[in-house]
PDB file of N, CA and C in Angstrom:
ATOM      1  N   LEU A   1     -13.687  10.064  -1.363  1.00  0.00           N
ATOM      2  CA  LEU A   1     -14.058   8.659  -1.224  1.00  0.00           C
ATOM      3  C   LEU A   1     -13.570   7.896  -2.452  1.00  0.00           C
ATOM      4  N   GLN A   2     -12.864   6.835  -2.239  1.00  0.00           N
ATOM      5  CA  GLN A   2     -12.342   6.030  -3.340  1.00  0.00           C
ATOM      6  C   GLN A   2     -13.477   5.276  -4.022  1.00  0.00           C
ATOM      7  N   PRO A   3     -13.403   5.131  -5.356  1.00  0.00           N
ATOM      8  CA  PRO A   3     -14.482   4.468  -6.097  1.00  0.00           C
ATOM      9  C   PRO A   3     -14.842   3.072  -5.585  1.00  0.00           C
ATOM     10  N   VAL A   4     -13.905   2.362  -5.028  1.00  0.00           N
ATOM     11  CA  VAL A   4     -14.204   1.016  -4.534  1.00  0.00           C
ATOM     12  C   VAL A   4     -15.282   1.045  -3.447  1.00  0.00           C
ATOM     13  N   TYR A   5     -15.452   2.177  -2.787  1.00  0.00           N
ATOM     14  CA  TYR A   5     -16.430   2.319  -1.710  1.00  0.00           C
ATOM     15  C   TYR A   5     -17.719   3.017  -2.148  1.00  0.00           C
ATOM     16  N   TRP A   6     -17.833   3.343  -3.434  1.00  0.00           N
ATOM     17  CA  TRP A   6     -19.018   4.043  -3.920  1.00  0.00           C
ATOM     18  C   TRP A   6     -20.271   3.188  -3.820  1.00  0.00           C
ATOM     19  N   SER A   7     -21.377   3.848  -3.544  1.00  0.00           N
ATOM     20  CA  SER A   7     -22.697   3.212  -3.568  1.00  0.00           C
ATOM     21  C   SER A   7     -23.239   3.279  -4.995  1.00  0.00           C
ATOM     22  N   ARG A   8     -24.409   2.686  -5.202  1.00  0.00           N
ATOM     23  CA  ARG A   8     -25.061   2.787  -6.521  1.00  0.00           C
ATOM     24  C   ARG A   8     -25.342   4.243  -6.873  1.00  0.00           C
ATOM     25  N   ASP A   9     -25.745   5.013  -5.880  1.00  0.00           N
ATOM     26  CA  ASP A   9     -26.015   6.436  -6.117  1.00  0.00           C
ATOM     27  C   ASP A   9     -24.747   7.185  -6.517  1.00  0.00           C
ATOM     28  N   ASP A  10     -23.637   6.843  -5.894  1.00  0.00           N
ATOM     29  CA  ASP A  10     -22.362   7.473  -6.252  1.00  0.00           C
ATOM     30  C   ASP A  10     -21.984   7.153  -7.696  1.00  0.00           C
ATOM     31  N   VAL A  11     -22.191   5.910  -8.113  1.00  0.00           N
ATOM     32  CA  VAL A  11     -21.893   5.509  -9.491  1.00  0.00           C
ATOM     33  C   VAL A  11     -22.769   6.297 -10.455  1.00  0.00           C
ATOM     34  N   ALA A  12     -24.053   6.419 -10.151  1.00  0.00           N
ATOM     35  CA  ALA A  12     -24.967   7.179 -11.008  1.00  0.00           C
ATOM     36  C   ALA A  12     -24.526   8.640 -11.100  1.00  0.00           C
ATOM     37  N   GLN A  13     -24.104   9.212  -9.994  1.00  0.00           N
ATOM     38  CA  GLN A  13     -23.636  10.598  -9.985  1.00  0.00           C
ATOM     39  C   GLN A  13     -22.369  10.730 -10.833  1.00  0.00           C
ATOM     40  N   TRP A  14     -21.465   9.780 -10.748  1.00  0.00           N
ATOM     41  CA  TRP A  14     -20.245   9.803 -11.553  1.00  0.00           C
ATOM     42  C   TRP A  14     -20.567   9.706 -13.041  1.00  0.00           C
ATOM     43  N   LEU A  15     -21.539   8.867 -13.392  1.00  0.00           N
ATOM     44  CA  LEU A  15     -21.941   8.753 -14.799  1.00  0.00           C
ATOM     45  C   LEU A  15     -22.455  10.088 -15.325  1.00  0.00           C
ATOM     46  N   ARG A  16     -23.276  10.792 -14.528  1.00  0.00           N
ATOM     47  CA  ARG A  16     -23.783  12.107 -14.943  1.00  0.00           C
ATOM     48  C   ARG A  16     -22.626  13.088 -15.121  1.00  0.00           C
ATOM     49  N   TRP A  17     -21.659  13.046 -14.195  1.00  0.00           N
ATOM     50  CA  TRP A  17     -20.493  13.920 -14.296  1.00  0.00           C
ATOM     51  C   TRP A  17     -19.708  13.617 -15.570  1.00  0.00           C
ATOM     52  N   ALA A  18     -19.470  12.333 -15.852  1.00  0.00           N
ATOM     53  CA  ALA A  18     -18.696  11.942 -17.033  1.00  0.00           C
ATOM     54  C   ALA A  18     -19.381  12.391 -18.322  1.00  0.00           C
ATOM     55  N   GLU A  19     -20.706  12.310 -18.356  1.00  0.00           N
ATOM     56  CA  GLU A  19     -21.457  12.781 -19.527  1.00  0.00           C
ATOM     57  C   GLU A  19     -21.148  14.250 -19.809  1.00  0.00           C
ATOM     58  N   LYS A  20     -21.191  15.049 -18.761  1.00  0.00           N
ATOM     59  CA  LYS A  20     -20.953  16.487 -18.925  1.00  0.00           C
ATOM     60  C   LYS A  20     -19.484  16.787 -19.204  1.00  0.00           C
ATOM     61  N   GLU A  21     -18.609  16.171 -18.456  1.00  0.00           N
ATOM     62  CA  GLU A  21     -17.172  16.441 -18.566  1.00  0.00           C
ATOM     63  C   GLU A  21     -16.615  16.078 -19.939  1.00  0.00           C
ATOM     64  N   PHE A  22     -17.096  14.977 -20.506  1.00  0.00           N
ATOM     65  CA  PHE A  22     -16.548  14.474 -21.766  1.00  0.00           C
ATOM     66  C   PHE A  22     -17.524  14.583 -22.934  1.00  0.00           C
ATOM     67  N   SER A  23     -18.587  15.351 -22.739  1.00  0.00           N
ATOM     68  CA  SER A  23     -19.607  15.559 -23.786  1.00  0.00           C
ATOM     69  C   SER A  23     -20.098  14.239 -24.374  1.00  0.00           C
ATOM     70  N   LEU A  24     -20.425  13.304 -23.480  1.00  0.00           N
ATOM     71  CA  LEU A  24     -20.918  11.995 -23.903  1.00  0.00           C
ATOM     72  C   LEU A  24     -22.417  12.049 -24.138  1.00  0.00           C
ATOM     73  N   ARG A  25     -22.882  11.158 -24.957  1.00  0.00           N
ATOM     74  CA  ARG A  25     -24.328  10.990 -25.093  1.00  0.00           C
ATOM     75  C   ARG A  25     -24.842  10.455 -23.763  1.00  0.00           C
ATOM     76  N   PRO A  26     -26.111  10.709 -23.458  1.00  0.00           N
ATOM     77  CA  PRO A  26     -26.650  10.225 -22.178  1.00  0.00           C
ATOM     78  C   PRO A  26     -26.454   8.715 -22.000  1.00  0.00           C
ATOM     79  N   ILE A  27     -26.029   8.366 -20.815  1.00  0.00           N
ATOM     80  CA  ILE A  27     -25.796   6.968 -20.459  1.00  0.00           C
ATOM     81  C   ILE A  27     -26.994   6.492 -19.656  1.00  0.00           C
ATOM     82  N   GLU A  28     -27.583   5.391 -20.057  1.00  0.00           N
ATOM     83  CA  GLU A  28     -28.720   4.840 -19.313  1.00  0.00           C
ATOM     84  C   GLU A  28     -28.210   4.270 -17.996  1.00  0.00           C
ATOM     85  N   SER A  29     -28.590   4.916 -16.919  1.00  0.00           N
ATOM     86  CA  SER A  29     -28.068   4.511 -15.613  1.00  0.00           C
ATOM     87  C   SER A  29     -28.528   3.121 -15.202  1.00  0.00           C
ATOM     88  N   ASN A  30     -29.653   2.645 -15.753  1.00  0.00           N
ATOM     89  CA  ASN A  30     -30.104   1.302 -15.363  1.00  0.00           C
ATOM     90  C   ASN A  30     -29.157   0.216 -15.868  1.00  0.00           C
ATOM     91  N   THR A  31     -28.301   0.545 -16.839  1.00  0.00           N
ATOM     92  CA  THR A  31     -27.322  -0.444 -17.299  1.00  0.00           C
ATOM     93  C   THR A  31     -26.094  -0.475 -16.401  1.00  0.00           C
ATOM     94  N   PHE A  32     -26.034   0.456 -15.455  1.00  0.00           N
ATOM     95  CA  PHE A  32     -24.911   0.519 -14.518  1.00  0.00           C
ATOM     96  C   PHE A  32     -25.412   0.514 -13.080  1.00  0.00           C
ATOM     97  N   GLU A  33     -26.434  -0.270 -12.800  1.00  0.00           N
ATOM     98  CA  GLU A  33     -26.945  -0.370 -11.433  1.00  0.00           C
ATOM     99  C   GLU A  33     -26.003  -1.266 -10.638  1.00  0.00           C
ATOM    100  N   MET A  34     -24.939  -0.648 -10.145  1.00  0.00           N
ATOM    101  CA  MET A  34     -23.906  -1.393  -9.428  1.00  0.00           C
ATOM    102  C   MET A  34     -23.171  -0.437  -8.499  1.00  0.00           C
ATOM    103  N   ASN A  35     -22.481  -1.006  -7.559  1.00  0.00           N
ATOM    104  CA  ASN A  35     -21.675  -0.182  -6.668  1.00  0.00           C
ATOM    105  C   ASN A  35     -20.296   0.050  -7.303  1.00  0.00           C
ATOM    106  N   GLY A  36     -19.473   0.803  -6.618  1.00  0.00           N
ATOM    107  CA  GLY A  36     -18.162   1.144  -7.150  1.00  0.00           C
ATOM    108  C   GLY A  36     -17.255  -0.051  -7.356  1.00  0.00           C
ATOM    109  N   LYS A  37     -17.320  -1.010  -6.454  1.00  0.00           N
ATOM    110  CA  LYS A  37     -16.470  -2.196  -6.588  1.00  0.00           C
ATOM    111  C   LYS A  37     -16.792  -2.930  -7.886  1.00  0.00           C
ATOM    112  N   ALA A  38     -18.073  -3.085  -8.189  1.00  0.00           N
ATOM    113  CA  ALA A  38     -18.485  -3.752  -9.429  1.00  0.00           C
ATOM    114  C   ALA A  38     -18.084  -2.923 -10.649  1.00  0.00           C
ATOM    115  N   LEU A  39     -18.214  -1.598 -10.539  1.00  0.00           N
ATOM    116  CA  LEU A  39     -17.822  -0.724 -11.645  1.00  0.00           C
ATOM    117  C   LEU A  39     -16.343  -0.898 -11.973  1.00  0.00           C
ATOM    118  N   LEU A  40     -15.520  -0.987 -10.945  1.00  0.00           N
ATOM    119  CA  LEU A  40     -14.080  -1.137 -11.155  1.00  0.00           C
ATOM    120  C   LEU A  40     -13.710  -2.467 -11.800  1.00  0.00           C
ATOM    121  N   LEU A  41     -14.572  -3.457 -11.686  1.00  0.00           N
ATOM    122  CA  LEU A  41     -14.301  -4.767 -12.288  1.00  0.00           C
ATOM    123  C   LEU A  41     -14.640  -4.813 -13.776  1.00  0.00           C
ATOM    124  N   LEU A  42     -15.353  -3.792 -14.274  1.00  0.00           N
ATOM    125  CA  LEU A  42     -15.711  -3.770 -15.689  1.00  0.00           C
ATOM    126  C   LEU A  42     -14.477  -3.524 -16.549  1.00  0.00           C
ATOM    127  N   THR A  43     -14.407  -4.229 -17.656  1.00  0.00           N
ATOM    128  CA  THR A  43     -13.363  -3.953 -18.639  1.00  0.00           C
ATOM    129  C   THR A  43     -13.855  -2.841 -19.559  1.00  0.00           C
ATOM    130  N   LYS A  44     -12.977  -2.347 -20.386  1.00  0.00           N
ATOM    131  CA  LYS A  44     -13.365  -1.339 -21.376  1.00  0.00           C
ATOM    132  C   LYS A  44     -14.458  -1.895 -22.282  1.00  0.00           C
ATOM    133  N   GLU A  45     -14.329  -3.156 -22.656  1.00  0.00           N
ATOM    134  CA  GLU A  45     -15.322  -3.805 -23.505  1.00  0.00           C
ATOM    135  C   GLU A  45     -16.663  -3.929 -22.790  1.00  0.00           C
ATOM    136  N   ASP A  46     -16.635  -4.255 -21.498  1.00  0.00           N
ATOM    137  CA  ASP A  46     -17.868  -4.333 -20.705  1.00  0.00           C
ATOM    138  C   ASP A  46     -18.583  -2.976 -20.692  1.00  0.00           C
ATOM    139  N   PHE A  47     -17.800  -1.912 -20.492  1.00  0.00           N
ATOM    140  CA  PHE A  47     -18.383  -0.574 -20.439  1.00  0.00           C
ATOM    141  C   PHE A  47     -19.011  -0.219 -21.778  1.00  0.00           C
ATOM    142  N   ARG A  48     -18.305  -0.499 -22.850  1.00  0.00           N
ATOM    143  CA  ARG A  48     -18.826  -0.193 -24.192  1.00  0.00           C
ATOM    144  C   ARG A  48     -20.068  -1.016 -24.515  1.00  0.00           C
ATOM    145  N   TYR A  49     -20.109  -2.255 -24.062  1.00  0.00           N
ATOM    146  CA  TYR A  49     -21.280  -3.099 -24.290  1.00  0.00           C
ATOM    147  C   TYR A  49     -22.501  -2.507 -23.594  1.00  0.00           C
ATOM    148  N   ARG A  50     -22.298  -2.003 -22.389  1.00  0.00           N
ATOM    149  CA  ARG A  50     -23.406  -1.441 -21.614  1.00  0.00           C
ATOM    150  C   ARG A  50     -23.834  -0.069 -22.123  1.00  0.00           C
ATOM    151  N   SER A  51     -22.928   0.632 -22.763  1.00  0.00           N
ATOM    152  CA  SER A  51     -23.236   1.972 -23.266  1.00  0.00           C
ATOM    153  C   SER A  51     -22.571   2.184 -24.627  1.00  0.00           C
ATOM    154  N   PRO A  52     -23.072   1.524 -25.647  1.00  0.00           N
ATOM    155  CA  PRO A  52     -22.406   1.550 -26.958  1.00  0.00           C
ATOM    156  C   PRO A  52     -22.381   2.917 -27.641  1.00  0.00           C
ATOM    157  N   HIS A  53     -23.257   3.829 -27.255  1.00  0.00           N
ATOM    158  CA  HIS A  53     -23.321   5.126 -27.932  1.00  0.00           C
ATOM    159  C   HIS A  53     -22.533   6.217 -27.221  1.00  0.00           C
ATOM    160  N   SER A  54     -21.871   5.872 -26.137  1.00  0.00           N
ATOM    161  CA  SER A  54     -21.162   6.904 -25.366  1.00  0.00           C
ATOM    162  C   SER A  54     -19.692   6.899 -25.581  1.00  0.00           C
TER     163      SER A  54
END
């Protein structure tokens, strides 16, 4: 399934995967309560703002 079609649950699952895959600090999923289309619209700066410690 392409990310543009992801649900909020899919985004949360991807965040958990990214934490493990890249040894990231835990990402607060409530800062990413969005579907895949919204996630794809985030810039690198937007992502860092929402999760500055990751």
